[in-house]
Protein backbone atom coordinates (compact mmCIF):
# COMPACT_ATOMS: atom_id res chain seq x y z
CA UNK A 1 3.76 17.13 12.25
CA UNK A 2 7.21 15.85 12.55
CA UNK A 3 9.31 15.29 9.98
CA UNK A 4 9.28 11.68 9.34
CA UNK A 5 10.69 9.83 6.53
CA UNK A 6 8.57 7.53 4.70
CA UNK A 7 10.34 4.07 4.64
CA UNK A 8 7.75 1.88 2.90
CA UNK A 9 4.47 2.12 1.49
CA UNK A 10 2.42 -1.37 1.21
CA UNK A 11 -0.84 -2.94 -0.10
CA UNK A 12 -1.84 -5.36 2.01
CA UNK A 13 -4.53 -7.96 2.41
CA UNK A 14 -6.32 -8.18 5.57
CA UNK A 15 -4.75 -11.56 6.48
CA UNK A 16 -1.11 -10.07 5.94
CA UNK A 17 -1.83 -7.12 8.23
CA UNK A 18 -3.32 -9.86 11.02
CA UNK A 19 -0.13 -11.70 10.79
CA UNK A 20 2.21 -8.43 11.04
CA UNK A 21 0.27 -7.03 13.53
CA UNK A 22 1.79 -4.98 16.03
CA UNK A 23 4.91 -4.54 13.94
CA UNK A 24 2.81 -2.24 11.78
CA UNK A 25 3.29 1.40 13.25
CA UNK A 26 0.26 2.68 11.09
CA UNK A 27 -2.24 1.11 8.49
CA UNK A 28 -4.58 3.20 6.45
CA UNK A 29 -7.29 0.93 5.00
CA UNK A 30 -8.59 1.67 1.82
CA UNK A 31 -12.36 1.04 0.42
CA UNK A 32 -13.40 -0.56 -2.52
CA UNK A 33 -15.00 2.33 -3.96
CA UNK A 34 -12.99 3.06 -7.14
CA UNK A 35 -11.35 6.05 -5.53
CA UNK A 36 -7.90 4.50 -5.62
CA UNK A 37 -8.28 2.65 -9.07
CA UNK A 38 -6.21 5.33 -10.77
CA UNK A 39 -3.28 4.56 -8.22
CA UNK A 40 -3.34 0.96 -8.63
CA UNK A 41 -3.36 1.02 -12.33
CA UNK A 42 -0.26 3.18 -12.18
CA UNK A 43 1.49 0.78 -9.80
CA UNK A 44 0.76 -2.25 -12.25
CA UNK A 45 1.36 -0.50 -14.62
CA UNK A 46 5.02 0.69 -13.37
CA UNK A 47 5.62 -3.07 -12.48
CA UNK A 48 4.73 -4.62 -15.66
CA UNK A 49 7.28 -1.64 -17.29
CA UNK A 50 9.76 -3.13 -14.73
CA UNK A 51 9.76 -6.93 -15.35
CA UNK A 52 9.95 -6.50 -19.26
């Protein structure tokens, strides 16, 4: 795999993805099966910490 710099990671709704369309280079859907709950919780906690 070529060394490619990651410039952004985003959590988007299906509507967001449709709006952005072909401007998105890669999209990796996640399922609502709880596998990402810890990650989402950590992101929420980091956001709360930044806003205080």
